[in-house]
Amino acid sequence: MDRQEVRKWIVDHAGERFARIGLHADEVTDDLDLLHTGVLDSLAFVDLFAALIDATGKDLDLESSLAKSGSTTLGGLVKLFT
């Protein structure tokens, strides 16, 4: 998957959660922190991370990935998985 496909995949899978905080999918920016804004709780973030591993075929370690600055933002996740 390229950058655009990974981004779309994440937005599509979290779309309902964006709506809960009053955001439409086309309003979501790369600097949106999915954890700190409450879009995802920690369990939902781990589930999304695991699903991204399956979808992209990239085998990333969650703990070392989270140690990277900005890794919980939409753009940070896209960067990790592309």
PDB file of N, CA and C in Angstrom:
ATOM      1  N   MET A   1       0.841  -1.191   0.000  1.00  0.00           N
ATOM      2  CA  MET A   1       0.000   0.000   0.000  1.00  0.00           C
ATOM      3  C   MET A   1       0.880   1.246   0.000  1.00  0.00           C
ATOM      4  N   ASP A   2       0.476   2.231  -0.758  1.00  0.00           N
ATOM      5  CA  ASP A   2       1.207   3.491  -0.727  1.00  0.00           C
ATOM      6  C   ASP A   2       0.602   4.405   0.348  1.00  0.00           C
ATOM      7  N   ARG A   3       1.193   5.583   0.500  1.00  0.00           N
ATOM      8  CA  ARG A   3       0.794   6.516   1.553  1.00  0.00           C
ATOM      9  C   ARG A   3      -0.703   6.843   1.514  1.00  0.00           C
ATOM     10  N   GLN A   4      -1.198   7.167   0.329  1.00  0.00           N
ATOM     11  CA  GLN A   4      -2.614   7.538   0.180  1.00  0.00           C
ATOM     12  C   GLN A   4      -3.539   6.376   0.543  1.00  0.00           C
ATOM     13  N   GLU A   5      -3.154   5.161   0.135  1.00  0.00           N
ATOM     14  CA  GLU A   5      -3.980   3.991   0.421  1.00  0.00           C
ATOM     15  C   GLU A   5      -4.009   3.682   1.916  1.00  0.00           C
ATOM     16  N   VAL A   6      -2.863   3.795   2.581  1.00  0.00           N
ATOM     17  CA  VAL A   6      -2.814   3.548   4.027  1.00  0.00           C
ATOM     18  C   VAL A   6      -3.642   4.598   4.760  1.00  0.00           C
ATOM     19  N   ARG A   7      -3.502   5.848   4.364  1.00  0.00           N
ATOM     20  CA  ARG A   7      -4.268   6.922   5.003  1.00  0.00           C
ATOM     21  C   ARG A   7      -5.775   6.681   4.838  1.00  0.00           C
ATOM     22  N   LYS A   8      -6.185   6.360   3.625  1.00  0.00           N
ATOM     23  CA  LYS A   8      -7.607   6.102   3.350  1.00  0.00           C
ATOM     24  C   LYS A   8      -8.088   4.903   4.165  1.00  0.00           C
ATOM     25  N   TRP A   9      -7.271   3.871   4.247  1.00  0.00           N
ATOM     26  CA  TRP A   9      -7.637   2.684   5.002  1.00  0.00           C
ATOM     27  C   TRP A   9      -7.901   3.044   6.469  1.00  0.00           C
ATOM     28  N   ILE A  10      -7.001   3.825   7.059  1.00  0.00           N
ATOM     29  CA  ILE A  10      -7.155   4.224   8.465  1.00  0.00           C
ATOM     30  C   ILE A  10      -8.416   5.066   8.647  1.00  0.00           C
ATOM     31  N   VAL A  11      -8.595   6.050   7.783  1.00  0.00           N
ATOM     32  CA  VAL A  11      -9.762   6.937   7.896  1.00  0.00           C
ATOM     33  C   VAL A  11     -11.053   6.150   7.713  1.00  0.00           C
ATOM     34  N   ASP A  12     -11.061   5.227   6.762  1.00  0.00           N
ATOM     35  CA  ASP A  12     -12.256   4.400   6.551  1.00  0.00           C
ATOM     36  C   ASP A  12     -12.561   3.543   7.776  1.00  0.00           C
ATOM     37  N   HIS A  13     -11.543   2.963   8.383  1.00  0.00           N
ATOM     38  CA  HIS A  13     -11.749   2.082   9.519  1.00  0.00           C
ATOM     39  C   HIS A  13     -12.078   2.834  10.812  1.00  0.00           C
ATOM     40  N   ALA A  14     -11.699   4.073  10.891  1.00  0.00           N
ATOM     41  CA  ALA A  14     -11.985   4.863  12.102  1.00  0.00           C
ATOM     42  C   ALA A  14     -13.060   5.915  11.855  1.00  0.00           C
ATOM     43  N   GLY A  15     -13.695   5.871  10.711  1.00  0.00           N
ATOM     44  CA  GLY A  15     -14.673   6.893  10.322  1.00  0.00           C
ATOM     45  C   GLY A  15     -15.762   7.147  11.339  1.00  0.00           C
ATOM     46  N   GLU A  16     -16.333   6.090  11.877  1.00  0.00           N
ATOM     47  CA  GLU A  16     -17.396   6.237  12.871  1.00  0.00           C
ATOM     48  C   GLU A  16     -16.870   6.924  14.128  1.00  0.00           C
ATOM     49  N   ARG A  17     -15.643   6.626  14.479  1.00  0.00           N
ATOM     50  CA  ARG A  17     -15.039   7.233  15.672  1.00  0.00           C
ATOM     51  C   ARG A  17     -14.753   8.724  15.451  1.00  0.00           C
ATOM     52  N   PHE A  18     -14.386   9.098  14.238  1.00  0.00           N
ATOM     53  CA  PHE A  18     -14.195  10.525  13.940  1.00  0.00           C
ATOM     54  C   PHE A  18     -15.522  11.258  14.104  1.00  0.00           C
ATOM     55  N   ALA A  19     -16.580  10.645  13.622  1.00  0.00           N
ATOM     56  CA  ALA A  19     -17.906  11.262  13.719  1.00  0.00           C
ATOM     57  C   ALA A  19     -18.307  11.505  15.170  1.00  0.00           C
ATOM     58  N   ARG A  20     -17.898  10.608  16.061  1.00  0.00           N
ATOM     59  CA  ARG A  20     -18.244  10.761  17.483  1.00  0.00           C
ATOM     60  C   ARG A  20     -17.664  12.029  18.098  1.00  0.00           C
ATOM     61  N   ILE A  21     -16.533  12.500  17.559  1.00  0.00           N
ATOM     62  CA  ILE A  21     -15.958  13.737  18.103  1.00  0.00           C
ATOM     63  C   ILE A  21     -16.270  14.933  17.191  1.00  0.00           C
ATOM     64  N   GLY A  22     -17.199  14.737  16.259  1.00  0.00           N
ATOM     65  CA  GLY A  22     -17.662  15.831  15.429  1.00  0.00           C
ATOM     66  C   GLY A  22     -16.839  16.100  14.185  1.00  0.00           C
ATOM     67  N   LEU A  23     -16.030  15.147  13.765  1.00  0.00           N
ATOM     68  CA  LEU A  23     -15.221  15.320  12.555  1.00  0.00           C
ATOM     69  C   LEU A  23     -15.749  14.451  11.427  1.00  0.00           C
ATOM     70  N   HIS A  24     -15.790  15.028  10.251  1.00  0.00           N
ATOM     71  CA  HIS A  24     -16.099  14.266   9.046  1.00  0.00           C
ATOM     72  C   HIS A  24     -14.767  13.776   8.493  1.00  0.00           C
ATOM     73  N   ALA A  25     -14.763  12.650   7.825  1.00  0.00           N
ATOM     74  CA  ALA A  25     -13.529  12.036   7.329  1.00  0.00           C
ATOM     75  C   ALA A  25     -12.668  12.990   6.498  1.00  0.00           C
ATOM     76  N   ASP A  26     -13.293  13.869   5.724  1.00  0.00           N
ATOM     77  CA  ASP A  26     -12.497  14.784   4.894  1.00  0.00           C
ATOM     78  C   ASP A  26     -11.922  15.966   5.678  1.00  0.00           C
ATOM     79  N   GLU A  27     -12.263  16.086   6.950  1.00  0.00           N
ATOM     80  CA  GLU A  27     -11.723  17.140   7.810  1.00  0.00           C
ATOM     81  C   GLU A  27     -10.527  16.679   8.635  1.00  0.00           C
ATOM     82  N   VAL A  28     -10.228  15.392   8.582  1.00  0.00           N
ATOM     83  CA  VAL A  28      -9.172  14.816   9.404  1.00  0.00           C
ATOM     84  C   VAL A  28      -7.808  15.174   8.829  1.00  0.00           C
ATOM     85  N   THR A  29      -6.943  15.721   9.671  1.00  0.00           N
ATOM     86  CA  THR A  29      -5.603  16.120   9.237  1.00  0.00           C
ATOM     87  C   THR A  29      -4.564  15.133   9.765  1.00  0.00           C
ATOM     88  N   ASP A  30      -3.404  15.133   9.136  1.00  0.00           N
ATOM     89  CA  ASP A  30      -2.350  14.202   9.513  1.00  0.00           C
ATOM     90  C   ASP A  30      -1.826  14.426  10.930  1.00  0.00           C
ATOM     91  N   ASP A  31      -1.986  15.619  11.466  1.00  0.00           N
ATOM     92  CA  ASP A  31      -1.476  15.884  12.814  1.00  0.00           C
ATOM     93  C   ASP A  31      -2.478  15.536  13.912  1.00  0.00           C
ATOM     94  N   LEU A  32      -3.624  14.987  13.546  1.00  0.00           N
ATOM     95  CA  LEU A  32      -4.621  14.577  14.534  1.00  0.00           C
ATOM     96  C   LEU A  32      -4.081  13.395  15.338  1.00  0.00           C
ATOM     97  N   ASP A  33      -3.983  13.566  16.635  1.00  0.00           N
ATOM     98  CA  ASP A  33      -3.522  12.490  17.506  1.00  0.00           C
ATOM     99  C   ASP A  33      -4.721  11.611  17.856  1.00  0.00           C
ATOM    100  N   LEU A  34      -4.678  10.390  17.384  1.00  0.00           N
ATOM    101  CA  LEU A  34      -5.819   9.491  17.528  1.00  0.00           C
ATOM    102  C   LEU A  34      -6.082   9.085  18.971  1.00  0.00           C
ATOM    103  N   LEU A  35      -5.052   9.051  19.794  1.00  0.00           N
ATOM    104  CA  LEU A  35      -5.229   8.701  21.211  1.00  0.00           C
ATOM    105  C   LEU A  35      -5.607   9.901  22.066  1.00  0.00           C
ATOM    106  N   HIS A  36      -4.836  10.970  21.957  1.00  0.00           N
ATOM    107  CA  HIS A  36      -5.042  12.119  22.841  1.00  0.00           C
ATOM    108  C   HIS A  36      -6.339  12.878  22.575  1.00  0.00           C
ATOM    109  N   THR A  37      -6.878  12.748  21.362  1.00  0.00           N
ATOM    110  CA  THR A  37      -8.152  13.405  21.058  1.00  0.00           C
ATOM    111  C   THR A  37      -9.345  12.555  21.455  1.00  0.00           C
ATOM    112  N   GLY A  38      -9.081  11.296  21.792  1.00  0.00           N
ATOM    113  CA  GLY A  38     -10.168  10.401  22.157  1.00  0.00           C
ATOM    114  C   GLY A  38     -10.820   9.703  20.975  1.00  0.00           C
ATOM    115  N   VAL A  39     -10.267   9.885  19.781  1.00  0.00           N
ATOM    116  CA  VAL A  39     -10.804   9.155  18.631  1.00  0.00           C
ATOM    117  C   VAL A  39     -10.713   7.656  18.908  1.00  0.00           C
ATOM    118  N   LEU A  40      -9.571   7.230  19.422  1.00  0.00           N
ATOM    119  CA  LEU A  40      -9.367   5.828  19.785  1.00  0.00           C
ATOM    120  C   LEU A  40      -8.920   5.736  21.237  1.00  0.00           C
ATOM    121  N   ASP A  41      -9.409   4.733  21.938  1.00  0.00           N
ATOM    122  CA  ASP A  41      -8.836   4.448  23.246  1.00  0.00           C
ATOM    123  C   ASP A  41      -7.649   3.511  23.014  1.00  0.00           C
ATOM    124  N   SER A  42      -6.940   3.165  24.060  1.00  0.00           N
ATOM    125  CA  SER A  42      -5.710   2.390  23.877  1.00  0.00           C
ATOM    126  C   SER A  42      -5.974   1.016  23.255  1.00  0.00           C
ATOM    127  N   LEU A  43      -7.050   0.365  23.630  1.00  0.00           N
ATOM    128  CA  LEU A  43      -7.361  -0.938  23.055  1.00  0.00           C
ATOM    129  C   LEU A  43      -7.710  -0.814  21.570  1.00  0.00           C
ATOM    130  N   ALA A  44      -8.496   0.182  21.229  1.00  0.00           N
ATOM    131  CA  ALA A  44      -8.859   0.391  19.819  1.00  0.00           C
ATOM    132  C   ALA A  44      -7.622   0.737  18.988  1.00  0.00           C
ATOM    133  N   PHE A  45      -6.672   1.469  19.580  1.00  0.00           N
ATOM    134  CA  PHE A  45      -5.439   1.798  18.864  1.00  0.00           C
ATOM    135  C   PHE A  45      -4.635   0.530  18.585  1.00  0.00           C
ATOM    136  N   VAL A  46      -4.520  -0.343  19.581  1.00  0.00           N
ATOM    137  CA  VAL A  46      -3.795  -1.601  19.401  1.00  0.00           C
ATOM    138  C   VAL A  46      -4.494  -2.456  18.338  1.00  0.00           C
ATOM    139  N   ASP A  47      -5.811  -2.487  18.378  1.00  0.00           N
ATOM    140  CA  ASP A  47      -6.565  -3.239  17.360  1.00  0.00           C
ATOM    141  C   ASP A  47      -6.315  -2.678  15.961  1.00  0.00           C
ATOM    142  N   LEU A  48      -6.317  -1.355  15.855  1.00  0.00           N
ATOM    143  CA  LEU A  48      -6.052  -0.714  14.562  1.00  0.00           C
ATOM    144  C   LEU A  48      -4.639  -1.024  14.093  1.00  0.00           C
ATOM    145  N   PHE A  49      -3.681  -0.959  14.990  1.00  0.00           N
ATOM    146  CA  PHE A  49      -2.287  -1.248  14.670  1.00  0.00           C
ATOM    147  C   PHE A  49      -2.153  -2.682  14.144  1.00  0.00           C
ATOM    148  N   ALA A  50      -2.782  -3.632  14.829  1.00  0.00           N
ATOM    149  CA  ALA A  50      -2.734  -5.033  14.400  1.00  0.00           C
ATOM    150  C   ALA A  50      -3.407  -5.220  13.043  1.00  0.00           C
ATOM    151  N   ALA A  51      -4.512  -4.547  12.830  1.00  0.00           N
ATOM    152  CA  ALA A  51      -5.204  -4.643  11.546  1.00  0.00           C
ATOM    153  C   ALA A  51      -4.358  -4.040  10.425  1.00  0.00           C
ATOM    154  N   LEU A  52      -3.626  -2.978  10.734  1.00  0.00           N
ATOM    155  CA  LEU A  52      -2.728  -2.376   9.734  1.00  0.00           C
ATOM    156  C   LEU A  52      -1.588  -3.325   9.379  1.00  0.00           C
ATOM    157  N   ILE A  53      -1.092  -4.061  10.359  1.00  0.00           N
ATOM    158  CA  ILE A  53      -0.059  -5.064  10.081  1.00  0.00           C
ATOM    159  C   ILE A  53      -0.604  -6.085   9.089  1.00  0.00           C
ATOM    160  N   ASP A  54      -1.825  -6.543   9.320  1.00  0.00           N
ATOM    161  CA  ASP A  54      -2.450  -7.508   8.412  1.00  0.00           C
ATOM    162  C   ASP A  54      -2.693  -6.912   7.030  1.00  0.00           C
ATOM    163  N   ALA A  55      -3.187  -5.684   7.004  1.00  0.00           N
ATOM    164  CA  ALA A  55      -3.541  -5.050   5.727  1.00  0.00           C
ATOM    165  C   ALA A  55      -2.328  -4.702   4.874  1.00  0.00           C
ATOM    166  N   THR A  56      -1.248  -4.294   5.527  1.00  0.00           N
ATOM    167  CA  THR A  56      -0.071  -3.844   4.772  1.00  0.00           C
ATOM    168  C   THR A  56       0.995  -4.920   4.607  1.00  0.00           C
ATOM    169  N   GLY A  57       0.948  -5.923   5.463  1.00  0.00           N
ATOM    170  CA  GLY A  57       1.981  -6.955   5.420  1.00  0.00           C
ATOM    171  C   GLY A  57       3.274  -6.541   6.097  1.00  0.00           C
ATOM    172  N   LYS A  58       3.282  -5.345   6.700  1.00  0.00           N
ATOM    173  CA  LYS A  58       4.462  -4.879   7.438  1.00  0.00           C
ATOM    174  C   LYS A  58       4.416  -5.416   8.854  1.00  0.00           C
ATOM    175  N   ASP A  59       5.497  -6.015   9.285  1.00  0.00           N
ATOM    176  CA  ASP A  59       5.553  -6.577  10.626  1.00  0.00           C
ATOM    177  C   ASP A  59       6.303  -5.611  11.538  1.00  0.00           C
ATOM    178  N   LEU A  60       5.553  -4.778  12.236  1.00  0.00           N
ATOM    179  CA  LEU A  60       6.140  -3.777  13.124  1.00  0.00           C
ATOM    180  C   LEU A  60       5.897  -4.142  14.576  1.00  0.00           C
ATOM    181  N   ASP A  61       6.828  -3.786  15.417  1.00  0.00           N
ATOM    182  CA  ASP A  61       6.693  -3.970  16.854  1.00  0.00           C
ATOM    183  C   ASP A  61       5.967  -2.761  17.438  1.00  0.00           C
ATOM    184  N   LEU A  62       4.886  -2.997  18.127  1.00  0.00           N
ATOM    185  CA  LEU A  62       4.077  -1.911  18.686  1.00  0.00           C
ATOM    186  C   LEU A  62       4.881  -1.040  19.639  1.00  0.00           C
ATOM    187  N   GLU A  63       5.584  -1.655  20.565  1.00  0.00           N
ATOM    188  CA  GLU A  63       6.316  -0.894  21.581  1.00  0.00           C
ATOM    189  C   GLU A  63       7.374   0.022  20.968  1.00  0.00           C
ATOM    190  N   SER A  64       8.177  -0.496  20.060  1.00  0.00           N
ATOM    191  CA  SER A  64       9.213   0.349  19.454  1.00  0.00           C
ATOM    192  C   SER A  64       8.599   1.393  18.523  1.00  0.00           C
ATOM    193  N   SER A  65       7.485   1.066  17.907  1.00  0.00           N
ATOM    194  CA  SER A  65       6.802   2.034  17.040  1.00  0.00           C
ATOM    195  C   SER A  65       6.245   3.192  17.844  1.00  0.00           C
ATOM    196  N   LEU A  66       5.684   2.889  19.013  1.00  0.00           N
ATOM    197  CA  LEU A  66       5.116   3.941  19.862  1.00  0.00           C
ATOM    198  C   LEU A  66       6.182   4.849  20.461  1.00  0.00           C
ATOM    199  N   ALA A  67       7.417   4.379  20.508  1.00  0.00           N
ATOM    200  CA  ALA A  67       8.511   5.195  21.033  1.00  0.00           C
ATOM    201  C   ALA A  67       8.883   6.323  20.076  1.00  0.00           C
ATOM    202  N   LYS A  68       8.446   6.229  18.837  1.00  0.00           N
ATOM    203  CA  LYS A  68       8.756   7.257  17.835  1.00  0.00           C
ATOM    204  C   LYS A  68       7.816   8.441  18.002  1.00  0.00           C
ATOM    205  N   SER A  69       8.355   9.621  17.897  1.00  0.00           N
ATOM    206  CA  SER A  69       7.570  10.840  18.040  1.00  0.00           C
ATOM    207  C   SER A  69       6.453  10.903  16.995  1.00  0.00           C
ATOM    208  N   GLY A  70       5.269  11.230  17.450  1.00  0.00           N
ATOM    209  CA  GLY A  70       4.145  11.408  16.540  1.00  0.00           C
ATOM    210  C   GLY A  70       3.506  10.133  16.049  1.00  0.00           C
ATOM    211  N   SER A  71       3.875   9.015  16.635  1.00  0.00           N
ATOM    212  CA  SER A  71       3.381   7.731  16.121  1.00  0.00           C
ATOM    213  C   SER A  71       1.886   7.499  16.360  1.00  0.00           C
ATOM    214  N   THR A  72       1.283   8.270  17.233  1.00  0.00           N
ATOM    215  CA  THR A  72      -0.151   8.098  17.470  1.00  0.00           C
ATOM    216  C   THR A  72      -0.997   9.073  16.651  1.00  0.00           C
ATOM    217  N   THR A  73      -0.346   9.870  15.816  1.00  0.00           N
ATOM    218  CA  THR A  73      -1.087  10.752  14.914  1.00  0.00           C
ATOM    219  C   THR A  73      -1.431   9.985  13.644  1.00  0.00           C
ATOM    220  N   LEU A  74      -2.407  10.490  12.922  1.00  0.00           N
ATOM    221  CA  LEU A  74      -2.763   9.865  11.651  1.00  0.00           C
ATOM    222  C   LEU A  74      -1.554   9.822  10.723  1.00  0.00           C
ATOM    223  N   GLY A  75      -0.869  10.941  10.585  1.00  0.00           N
ATOM    224  CA  GLY A  75       0.311  10.999   9.725  1.00  0.00           C
ATOM    225  C   GLY A  75       1.430  10.100  10.206  1.00  0.00           C
ATOM    226  N   GLY A  76       1.592   9.986  11.522  1.00  0.00           N
ATOM    227  CA  GLY A  76       2.626   9.129  12.081  1.00  0.00           C
ATOM    228  C   GLY A  76       2.371   7.666  11.773  1.00  0.00           C
ATOM    229  N   LEU A  77       1.113   7.252  11.879  1.00  0.00           N
ATOM    230  CA  LEU A  77       0.765   5.870  11.538  1.00  0.00           C
ATOM    231  C   LEU A  77       0.985   5.606  10.058  1.00  0.00           C
ATOM    232  N   VAL A  78       0.604   6.552   9.247  1.00  0.00           N
ATOM    233  CA  VAL A  78       0.799   6.397   7.794  1.00  0.00           C
ATOM    234  C   VAL A  78       2.291   6.223   7.508  1.00  0.00           C
ATOM    235  N   LYS A  79       3.095   7.049   8.135  1.00  0.00           N
ATOM    236  CA  LYS A  79       4.558   6.970   7.932  1.00  0.00           C
ATOM    237  C   LYS A  79       5.112   5.611   8.371  1.00  0.00           C
ATOM    238  N   LEU A  80       4.643   5.113   9.502  1.00  0.00           N
ATOM    239  CA  LEU A  80       5.102   3.813   9.995  1.00  0.00           C
ATOM    240  C   LEU A  80       4.790   2.687   9.005  1.00  0.00           C
ATOM    241  N   PHE A  81       3.636   2.767   8.371  1.00  0.00           N
ATOM    242  CA  PHE A  81       3.176   1.657   7.546  1.00  0.00           C
ATOM    243  C   PHE A  81       3.408   1.842   6.042  1.00  0.00           C
ATOM    244  N   THR A  82       4.191   2.852   5.676  1.00  0.00           N
ATOM    245  CA  THR A  82       4.543   3.020   4.256  1.00  0.00           C
ATOM    246  C   THR A  82       6.048   3.083   4.092  1.00  0.00           C
TER     247      THR A  82
END
